[in-house]
N, C-alpha and C. Protein backbone atom coordinates (compact mmCIF):
# COMPACT_ATOMS: atom_id res chain seq x y z
N MET A 1 30.21 -15.73 -29.44
CA MET A 1 29.87 -17.14 -28.81
C MET A 1 30.97 -17.51 -28.05
N ILE A 2 30.86 -17.41 -26.83
CA ILE A 2 32.00 -17.93 -25.85
C ILE A 2 32.26 -19.06 -25.17
N LEU A 3 32.98 -19.63 -24.97
CA LEU A 3 32.97 -20.97 -24.49
C LEU A 3 33.70 -20.80 -22.95
N ASP A 4 32.88 -21.52 -21.62
CA ASP A 4 33.41 -21.76 -20.45
C ASP A 4 33.87 -22.87 -20.12
N ARG A 5 35.22 -23.29 -20.19
CA ARG A 5 36.12 -24.44 -20.23
C ARG A 5 36.12 -24.71 -18.41
N ARG A 6 35.59 -25.78 -17.71
CA ARG A 6 36.14 -25.94 -16.41
C ARG A 6 36.43 -27.51 -16.17
N GLN A 7 37.39 -27.34 -15.47
CA GLN A 7 38.51 -28.78 -15.36
C GLN A 7 38.36 -29.12 -13.82
N TYR A 8 37.80 -30.10 -13.48
CA TYR A 8 37.64 -31.12 -11.87
C TYR A 8 38.75 -31.62 -11.82
N THR A 9 39.50 -31.57 -10.62
CA THR A 9 40.30 -32.92 -10.53
C THR A 9 40.26 -33.29 -9.15
N ALA A 10 39.46 -34.44 -9.84
CA ALA A 10 38.93 -35.53 -8.12
C ALA A 10 39.34 -35.96 -7.45
N LYS A 11 38.91 -35.90 -5.78
CA LYS A 11 39.55 -36.61 -5.14
C LYS A 11 39.06 -38.16 -5.46
N ALA A 12 40.36 -38.96 -5.54
CA ALA A 12 40.16 -40.59 -5.79
C ALA A 12 39.36 -41.44 -5.34
N GLY A 13 38.54 -41.71 -6.92
CA GLY A 13 37.43 -42.36 -5.99
C GLY A 13 35.96 -41.75 -5.88
N ARG A 14 36.19 -40.12 -6.21
CA ARG A 14 34.90 -39.46 -5.78
C ARG A 14 34.39 -39.09 -7.47
N ILE A 15 34.46 -39.33 -8.64
CA ILE A 15 33.94 -38.76 -9.59
C ILE A 15 32.25 -39.81 -9.60
N ALA A 16 32.31 -40.45 -9.25
CA ALA A 16 31.18 -40.92 -9.62
C ALA A 16 29.74 -40.28 -8.48
N GLU A 17 30.74 -40.51 -7.45
CA GLU A 17 29.88 -39.42 -5.85
C GLU A 17 29.07 -38.16 -6.62
N PHE A 18 29.86 -37.55 -7.72
CA PHE A 18 29.71 -36.35 -8.52
C PHE A 18 28.80 -36.14 -9.12
N TRP A 19 28.82 -37.82 -10.04
CA TRP A 19 27.89 -37.34 -11.46
C TRP A 19 26.84 -37.63 -10.48
N GLU A 20 25.87 -37.88 -8.97
CA GLU A 20 25.73 -38.95 -8.83
C GLU A 20 24.60 -37.50 -8.30
N ALA A 21 25.78 -36.23 -7.36
CA ALA A 21 25.50 -35.02 -7.04
C ALA A 21 25.03 -34.42 -7.68
N GLN A 22 25.17 -34.16 -9.41
CA GLN A 22 24.61 -33.43 -10.47
C GLN A 22 23.36 -33.87 -11.28
N ASP A 23 22.89 -35.14 -10.82
CA ASP A 23 21.98 -35.75 -11.45
C ASP A 23 20.80 -35.44 -9.93
N ARG A 24 21.03 -35.54 -8.49
CA ARG A 24 20.39 -35.28 -7.37
C ARG A 24 19.61 -33.38 -7.24
N TRP A 25 21.12 -32.96 -7.36
CA TRP A 25 20.59 -31.43 -7.46
C TRP A 25 20.50 -30.16 -8.62
N ASN A 26 20.65 -30.88 -10.26
CA ASN A 26 21.21 -30.04 -10.88
C ASN A 26 20.12 -29.91 -12.36
N ARG A 27 18.59 -30.09 -11.23
CA ARG A 27 17.27 -30.34 -12.31
C ARG A 27 16.13 -29.86 -11.82
N THR A 28 17.05 -28.56 -11.24
CA THR A 28 15.59 -27.65 -10.75
C THR A 28 15.70 -26.57 -12.45
N PRO A 29 15.00 -25.92 -11.58
CA PRO A 29 14.93 -24.75 -12.81
C PRO A 29 15.69 -23.09 -12.56
N VAL A 30 16.16 -23.41 -11.02
CA VAL A 30 17.57 -22.48 -10.99
C VAL A 30 18.83 -22.91 -11.09
N ALA A 31 18.72 -24.21 -10.92
CA ALA A 31 20.00 -24.72 -11.93
C ALA A 31 20.19 -24.75 -13.67
N GLN A 32 19.14 -24.84 -13.85
CA GLN A 32 18.84 -24.94 -15.67
C GLN A 32 19.49 -23.10 -15.90
N THR A 33 19.77 -22.58 -15.44
CA THR A 33 19.37 -20.71 -16.24
C THR A 33 21.59 -21.83 -16.27
N VAL A 34 22.54 -22.58 -15.69
CA VAL A 34 23.38 -22.83 -16.06
C VAL A 34 23.53 -23.96 -17.28
N MET A 35 23.10 -24.87 -16.71
CA MET A 35 22.59 -26.06 -17.38
C MET A 35 22.35 -26.03 -18.70
N ARG A 36 21.69 -25.53 -18.95
CA ARG A 36 20.78 -25.08 -20.54
C ARG A 36 22.56 -24.82 -21.12
N HIS A 37 23.06 -24.55 -20.70
CA HIS A 37 24.81 -23.58 -21.67
C HIS A 37 25.28 -25.72 -22.18
N ASN A 38 25.31 -25.75 -20.89
CA ASN A 38 25.78 -27.30 -21.61
C ASN A 38 26.08 -28.15 -22.49
N LEU A 39 27.31 -27.55 -23.02
CA LEU A 39 27.82 -28.45 -24.37
C LEU A 39 28.22 -29.45 -24.57
N ILE A 40 29.31 -30.06 -23.07
CA ILE A 40 29.38 -31.65 -22.99
C ILE A 40 29.87 -31.66 -21.77
N SER A 41 29.77 -32.88 -21.76
CA SER A 41 30.45 -33.06 -20.01
C SER A 41 31.29 -33.73 -20.65
N LEU A 42 33.02 -34.18 -19.94
CA LEU A 42 33.77 -35.18 -21.02
C LEU A 42 34.35 -36.00 -19.20
N GLU A 43 34.91 -37.02 -19.09
CA GLU A 43 35.31 -37.81 -18.16
C GLU A 43 36.17 -38.78 -18.62
N PRO A 44 37.91 -39.24 -18.47
CA PRO A 44 38.71 -39.46 -18.88
C PRO A 44 38.81 -41.21 -19.26
N ILE A 45 38.76 -41.55 -20.48
CA ILE A 45 39.05 -43.42 -20.34
C ILE A 45 40.14 -43.76 -19.96
N ALA A 46 40.94 -42.90 -20.23
CA ALA A 46 42.45 -42.96 -20.93
C ALA A 46 43.74 -42.45 -19.46
N GLY A 47 44.59 -42.44 -19.12
CA GLY A 47 45.32 -41.11 -18.56
C GLY A 47 45.10 -41.21 -17.52
N ASN A 48 44.76 -39.74 -16.74
CA ASN A 48 44.29 -39.43 -15.19
C ASN A 48 43.11 -39.28 -15.06
N GLY A 49 42.18 -40.41 -14.82
CA GLY A 49 41.21 -40.39 -14.44
C GLY A 49 40.27 -39.96 -13.33
N ASP A 50 40.77 -39.25 -12.95
CA ASP A 50 40.54 -38.45 -11.85
C ASP A 50 39.81 -36.57 -12.70
N HIS A 51 39.88 -36.77 -13.16
CA HIS A 51 39.29 -35.68 -14.11
C HIS A 51 37.59 -35.09 -15.29
N ILE A 52 36.90 -33.94 -14.81
CA ILE A 52 36.08 -33.88 -15.62
C ILE A 52 35.89 -32.72 -15.88
N VAL A 53 35.64 -32.90 -17.51
CA VAL A 53 35.49 -30.87 -17.52
C VAL A 53 34.55 -30.90 -19.05
N HIS A 54 33.71 -29.57 -17.93
CA HIS A 54 32.80 -29.16 -18.78
C HIS A 54 32.87 -28.37 -19.74
N ILE A 55 31.99 -27.46 -20.32
CA ILE A 55 32.17 -26.94 -21.58
C ILE A 55 30.92 -26.49 -22.08
N TYR A 56 30.65 -24.73 -21.70
CA TYR A 56 29.95 -24.68 -21.67
C TYR A 56 29.50 -23.59 -22.97
N GLY A 57 28.69 -22.88 -23.69
CA GLY A 57 28.75 -22.04 -24.49
C GLY A 57 27.38 -21.21 -24.44
N PHE A 58 28.20 -19.41 -24.02
CA PHE A 58 27.26 -18.71 -23.56
C PHE A 58 27.53 -17.73 -25.00
N GLU A 59 26.64 -16.88 -24.97
CA GLU A 59 26.99 -15.61 -25.90
C GLU A 59 27.23 -14.67 -25.98
N SER A 60 27.88 -14.28 -24.44
CA SER A 60 28.75 -13.49 -23.82
C SER A 60 28.90 -13.25 -22.48
N LEU A 61 29.82 -12.37 -22.02
CA LEU A 61 30.67 -12.33 -20.55
C LEU A 61 29.04 -12.23 -19.93
N ASP A 62 28.77 -11.19 -19.98
CA ASP A 62 27.45 -10.73 -19.63
C ASP A 62 26.67 -12.12 -19.16
N GLN A 63 25.83 -12.47 -20.33
CA GLN A 63 25.34 -13.47 -20.64
C GLN A 63 25.68 -15.04 -19.07
N TRP A 64 27.40 -14.83 -19.41
CA TRP A 64 27.66 -15.99 -18.25
C TRP A 64 28.04 -15.72 -17.59
N ARG A 65 27.92 -14.50 -16.84
CA ARG A 65 27.92 -13.58 -15.46
C ARG A 65 26.32 -14.15 -15.00
N SER A 66 25.49 -13.11 -15.31
CA SER A 66 24.36 -13.15 -14.92
C SER A 66 23.71 -14.74 -14.48
N SER A 67 23.91 -15.74 -15.47
CA SER A 67 23.28 -16.92 -15.19
C SER A 67 23.98 -17.51 -14.29
N TYR A 68 25.48 -17.71 -14.06
CA TYR A 68 26.23 -17.99 -12.82
C TYR A 68 25.66 -17.47 -11.17
N MET A 69 25.67 -15.91 -11.58
CA MET A 69 25.36 -15.07 -10.03
C MET A 69 23.59 -15.80 -10.14
N ALA A 70 22.68 -16.17 -10.91
CA ALA A 70 21.59 -16.52 -10.47
C ALA A 70 21.34 -18.00 -9.80
N VAL A 71 22.79 -18.42 -10.08
CA VAL A 71 22.59 -19.46 -9.77
C VAL A 71 23.25 -19.45 -8.36
N TYR A 72 23.94 -19.06 -7.62
CA TYR A 72 25.09 -18.58 -6.91
C TYR A 72 23.64 -17.85 -6.05
N ALA A 73 23.12 -17.35 -6.47
CA ALA A 73 22.05 -16.88 -5.30
C ALA A 73 21.20 -17.73 -4.78
N ALA A 74 20.63 -18.19 -5.31
CA ALA A 74 19.84 -19.33 -5.02
C ALA A 74 19.30 -20.67 -5.19
N HIS A 75 20.44 -21.11 -5.67
CA HIS A 75 20.82 -23.06 -5.70
C HIS A 75 20.89 -22.99 -4.33
N PRO A 76 20.64 -24.55 -3.74
CA PRO A 76 20.76 -24.86 -2.39
C PRO A 76 22.37 -24.95 -2.07
N PRO A 77 22.45 -23.85 -1.34
CA PRO A 77 24.79 -24.35 -0.61
C PRO A 77 25.13 -25.69 0.00
N GLU A 78 23.90 -26.81 -0.39
CA GLU A 78 24.28 -27.88 0.41
C GLU A 78 24.64 -28.32 -0.67
N TYR A 79 24.45 -28.12 -1.79
CA TYR A 79 25.04 -28.69 -3.34
C TYR A 79 26.58 -28.01 -3.39
N PHE A 80 26.72 -26.89 -3.12
CA PHE A 80 28.48 -26.51 -3.48
C PHE A 80 29.24 -27.21 -2.39
N ALA A 81 28.03 -27.13 -0.90
CA ALA A 81 29.28 -27.59 -0.22
C ALA A 81 29.63 -29.00 -0.46
N THR A 82 28.83 -29.67 -0.82
CA THR A 82 28.84 -31.31 -1.75
C THR A 82 29.70 -31.73 -2.35
N VAL A 83 29.70 -30.65 -3.47
CA VAL A 83 30.88 -30.94 -4.46
C VAL A 83 32.05 -30.49 -4.33
N ARG A 84 32.41 -29.53 -3.92
CA ARG A 84 33.52 -29.25 -3.87
C ARG A 84 34.05 -29.87 -2.93
N SER A 85 33.71 -30.27 -1.90
CA SER A 85 34.28 -31.91 -0.84
C SER A 85 34.72 -32.70 -1.85
N LEU A 86 34.37 -32.72 -2.93
CA LEU A 86 34.50 -34.16 -3.83
C LEU A 86 35.65 -33.75 -4.61
N PHE A 87 35.99 -32.12 -4.48
CA PHE A 87 37.47 -32.11 -5.19
C PHE A 87 38.69 -31.50 -4.79
N LEU A 88 39.88 -31.91 -5.54
CA LEU A 88 41.29 -30.98 -5.24
C LEU A 88 41.50 -29.53 -5.16
N ALA A 89 40.99 -29.61 -7.14
CA ALA A 89 41.76 -28.45 -8.24
C ALA A 89 40.14 -28.08 -9.00
N GLN A 90 40.35 -27.35 -9.43
CA GLN A 90 39.03 -26.47 -10.74
C GLN A 90 39.97 -25.69 -11.62
N GLN A 91 40.78 -25.84 -13.06
CA GLN A 91 40.71 -24.54 -13.27
C GLN A 91 39.97 -24.45 -14.78
N SER A 92 40.15 -22.91 -14.98
CA SER A 92 39.00 -22.63 -15.69
C SER A 92 39.14 -21.80 -16.58
N GLY A 93 38.40 -21.38 -17.92
CA GLY A 93 39.15 -20.93 -18.48
C GLY A 93 37.94 -20.04 -19.41
N PHE A 94 38.44 -19.23 -20.95
CA PHE A 94 36.99 -18.88 -21.54
C PHE A 94 37.80 -18.82 -23.17
N PHE A 95 37.09 -19.12 -24.11
CA PHE A 95 37.47 -19.68 -25.29
C PHE A 95 36.97 -19.25 -26.40
N ALA A 96 36.99 -18.55 -27.45
CA ALA A 96 36.22 -18.42 -28.52
C ALA A 96 36.49 -20.16 -29.84
N PRO A 97 35.44 -20.41 -30.47
CA PRO A 97 35.50 -21.21 -31.08
C PRO A 97 36.22 -21.04 -32.29
N ALA A 98 37.13 -21.91 -32.71
CA ALA A 98 37.96 -22.02 -33.66
C ALA A 98 37.74 -20.83 -35.22
N PRO A 99 38.44 -20.67 -35.55
CA PRO A 99 37.36 -19.04 -37.02
C PRO A 99 38.08 -20.44 -38.00
N LEU A 100 37.56 -21.83 -37.85
CA LEU A 100 37.77 -22.85 -38.42
C LEU A 100 36.27 -23.43 -39.09
N GLU A 101 35.73 -22.91 -39.30
CA GLU A 101 34.28 -23.70 -39.67
C GLU A 101 34.89 -25.58 -39.74
N ALA A 102 35.41 -25.63 -40.46
CA ALA A 102 36.08 -27.23 -41.02
C ALA A 102 36.34 -27.69 -39.81
N LEU A 103 36.91 -26.97 -38.77
CA LEU A 103 37.45 -27.70 -37.47
C LEU A 103 36.44 -27.27 -36.53
N VAL A 104 35.31 -26.98 -36.37
CA VAL A 104 34.55 -26.09 -35.63
C VAL A 104 32.82 -27.34 -35.66
N LEU A 105 32.30 -26.91 -36.61
CA LEU A 105 31.20 -27.12 -36.67
C LEU A 105 30.84 -28.91 -37.40
N PRO A 106 32.02 -30.11 -37.44
CA PRO A 106 31.75 -30.99 -37.20
C PRO A 106 30.90 -31.42 -35.72
N LEU A 107 31.66 -30.57 -34.47
CA LEU A 107 31.89 -30.82 -32.98
C LEU A 107 29.99 -30.79 -32.99
N PHE A 108 29.92 -30.18 -33.93
CA PHE A 108 28.22 -29.89 -33.48
C PHE A 108 26.75 -30.01 -34.54
N GLY A 109 27.51 -31.78 -35.20
CA GLY A 109 26.22 -31.65 -36.13
C GLY A 109 26.17 -30.70 -36.96
N GLY A 110 26.83 -30.02 -37.71
CA GLY A 110 27.25 -29.85 -39.11
C GLY A 110 26.79 -28.17 -38.42
N THR A 111 25.97 -27.70 -37.43
CA THR A 111 26.16 -26.37 -37.56
C THR A 111 26.87 -25.42 -36.53
N LEU A 112 25.93 -24.32 -35.05
CA LEU A 112 27.08 -24.02 -34.31
C LEU A 112 25.99 -24.14 -33.59
N PRO A 113 25.87 -25.09 -32.14
CA PRO A 113 24.62 -24.35 -31.67
C PRO A 113 23.60 -23.30 -31.07
N GLU A 114 22.65 -23.04 -30.77
CA GLU A 114 22.03 -22.01 -29.85
C GLU A 114 22.49 -22.43 -28.73
N VAL A 115 22.92 -21.42 -28.25
CA VAL A 115 22.94 -21.66 -27.13
C VAL A 115 22.38 -20.71 -25.91
N GLN A 116 21.10 -20.78 -26.39
CA GLN A 116 19.71 -20.33 -25.40
C GLN A 116 19.17 -21.02 -25.54
N GLY A 117 18.95 -21.99 -24.35
CA GLY A 117 17.72 -23.03 -24.16
C GLY A 117 18.67 -24.43 -24.39
N GLU A 118 17.88 -25.88 -25.27
CA GLU A 118 18.75 -26.80 -24.99
C GLU A 118 19.42 -26.49 -26.72
N VAL A 119 20.54 -27.21 -25.94
CA VAL A 119 21.63 -27.78 -26.83
C VAL A 119 21.25 -28.72 -27.87
N ALA A 120 20.86 -28.78 -29.43
CA ALA A 120 20.22 -29.77 -30.11
C ALA A 120 21.72 -31.18 -29.93
N ALA A 121 21.49 -32.02 -29.59
CA ALA A 121 22.85 -33.44 -29.55
C ALA A 121 22.94 -33.33 -31.81
N SER A 122 23.92 -34.21 -31.25
CA SER A 122 24.35 -34.12 -32.88
C SER A 122 24.11 -35.61 -33.79
N GLY A 123 24.07 -36.12 -32.99
CA GLY A 123 22.60 -38.00 -32.87
C GLY A 123 24.02 -38.60 -32.95
N ALA A 124 25.05 -38.11 -32.57
CA ALA A 124 26.38 -39.20 -32.56
C ALA A 124 25.94 -40.09 -30.75
N ASN A 125 26.48 -41.11 -30.86
CA ASN A 125 25.71 -42.49 -30.07
C ASN A 125 27.53 -41.75 -28.83
N PRO A 126 27.19 -41.43 -27.90
CA PRO A 126 28.25 -40.73 -26.45
C PRO A 126 28.76 -42.24 -25.63
N ALA A 127 28.71 -43.12 -26.25
CA ALA A 127 29.22 -44.23 -25.99
C ALA A 127 30.33 -44.93 -26.63
N ARG A 128 30.09 -44.03 -28.29
CA ARG A 128 31.05 -44.38 -28.89
C ARG A 128 31.86 -42.72 -29.46
N LEU A 129 31.48 -42.08 -29.16
CA LEU A 129 31.80 -40.80 -28.89
C LEU A 129 33.56 -40.54 -27.89
N CYS A 130 34.81 -40.04 -28.78
CA CYS A 130 35.93 -39.88 -28.73
C CYS A 130 36.44 -38.60 -29.35
N VAL A 131 36.76 -38.11 -27.72
CA VAL A 131 36.93 -36.42 -27.77
C VAL A 131 38.37 -36.71 -27.50
N THR A 132 39.54 -35.58 -27.84
CA THR A 132 40.76 -35.55 -27.75
C THR A 132 40.62 -34.17 -27.53
N GLU A 133 41.73 -33.95 -26.53
CA GLU A 133 41.83 -32.55 -26.15
C GLU A 133 43.46 -32.27 -26.00
N GLU A 134 44.44 -31.16 -26.90
CA GLU A 134 44.75 -31.21 -26.75
C GLU A 134 44.97 -28.80 -26.67
N MET A 135 46.18 -28.73 -25.38
CA MET A 135 46.21 -27.56 -24.91
C MET A 135 47.10 -27.27 -25.70
N LEU A 136 47.74 -25.86 -26.09
CA LEU A 136 48.69 -25.64 -26.73
C LEU A 136 49.25 -24.47 -26.17
N GLU A 137 50.37 -23.59 -26.18
CA GLU A 137 50.80 -22.29 -25.01
C GLU A 137 51.71 -22.08 -27.21
N LEU A 138 51.41 -20.85 -27.19
CA LEU A 138 52.40 -20.17 -28.02
C LEU A 138 52.53 -19.23 -27.62
N ARG A 139 53.44 -18.53 -28.30
CA ARG A 139 54.15 -17.74 -28.46
C ARG A 139 53.72 -16.27 -28.85
N PRO A 140 53.36 -14.50 -28.37
CA PRO A 140 52.64 -13.57 -28.30
C PRO A 140 52.49 -13.95 -29.24
N GLY A 141 51.18 -13.39 -30.23
CA GLY A 141 50.86 -13.15 -31.41
C GLY A 141 50.98 -14.64 -32.25
N GLY A 142 51.10 -15.49 -31.88
CA GLY A 142 51.61 -16.65 -32.91
C GLY A 142 50.39 -17.41 -33.07
N LEU A 143 48.76 -16.74 -32.55
CA LEU A 143 47.44 -17.40 -32.98
C LEU A 143 47.01 -17.76 -33.95
N PRO A 144 47.23 -16.08 -34.93
CA PRO A 144 47.42 -16.09 -36.29
C PRO A 144 47.92 -17.05 -36.98
N ARG A 145 48.86 -17.33 -36.98
CA ARG A 145 50.39 -17.95 -37.56
C ARG A 145 49.54 -19.02 -37.32
N TYR A 146 49.02 -19.98 -35.90
CA TYR A 146 48.35 -21.11 -35.88
C TYR A 146 47.42 -21.33 -36.58
N TRP A 147 45.98 -20.80 -37.08
CA TRP A 147 44.85 -20.87 -37.63
C TRP A 147 45.47 -20.70 -39.32
N ASP A 148 45.93 -20.13 -40.18
CA ASP A 148 46.90 -19.90 -41.52
C ASP A 148 47.46 -21.42 -41.69
N ALA A 149 47.95 -22.05 -40.64
CA ALA A 149 48.63 -23.26 -40.83
C ALA A 149 47.56 -23.83 -40.61
N TRP A 150 46.54 -24.16 -40.04
CA TRP A 150 45.42 -25.25 -39.90
C TRP A 150 45.15 -24.86 -41.43
N ARG A 151 44.68 -23.66 -41.93
CA ARG A 151 43.36 -23.47 -43.25
C ARG A 151 44.66 -23.84 -44.21
N SER A 152 45.85 -23.67 -43.91
CA SER A 152 46.91 -24.40 -45.27
C SER A 152 46.42 -26.48 -45.23
N TYR A 153 46.27 -26.81 -44.14
CA TYR A 153 46.27 -28.52 -44.42
C TYR A 153 44.70 -28.60 -44.73
N ILE A 154 44.05 -27.81 -44.27
CA ILE A 154 42.63 -28.39 -44.62
C ILE A 154 42.78 -27.59 -46.15
N GLU A 155 42.46 -26.45 -46.93
CA GLU A 155 42.76 -26.96 -47.76
C GLU A 155 43.70 -28.14 -48.76
N ARG A 156 45.06 -28.62 -48.84
CA ARG A 156 45.38 -30.03 -48.51
C ARG A 156 44.51 -31.20 -48.82
N VAL A 157 43.78 -31.28 -48.21
CA VAL A 157 43.48 -32.35 -47.24
C VAL A 157 42.03 -32.55 -48.01
């Protein structure tokens, strides 16, 4: 599984318009080619309120590419013109789930989601859900040591 994380920086006061556009344009079968892979969409309740984050799950880069190419080829251009006019910037990145089940599985109700078709909700109340995100920059080769430190911590807790 790969995760596609997209963070959008909205123009001041334009986030509500974005959600309206999502509701209007992304219910079609064409849009669902990508939207069915959406694991979670987030907007901040503290700090910089002009960001939206989407995290999508795909089996492979080939599946990611074919899903987006289908949408770009058939989705109405008006949608892209509308939503792109609401944003100042976009940051995208690909990630793999953490190699520690104890860190990842609670996010998905105990099992990793199927990325083909609808993702099963964990049963959490979205109004009470709080997701924190921490981005770290590690030195080259530092990632294995980072996960080893997490494993050590989990074993002690």
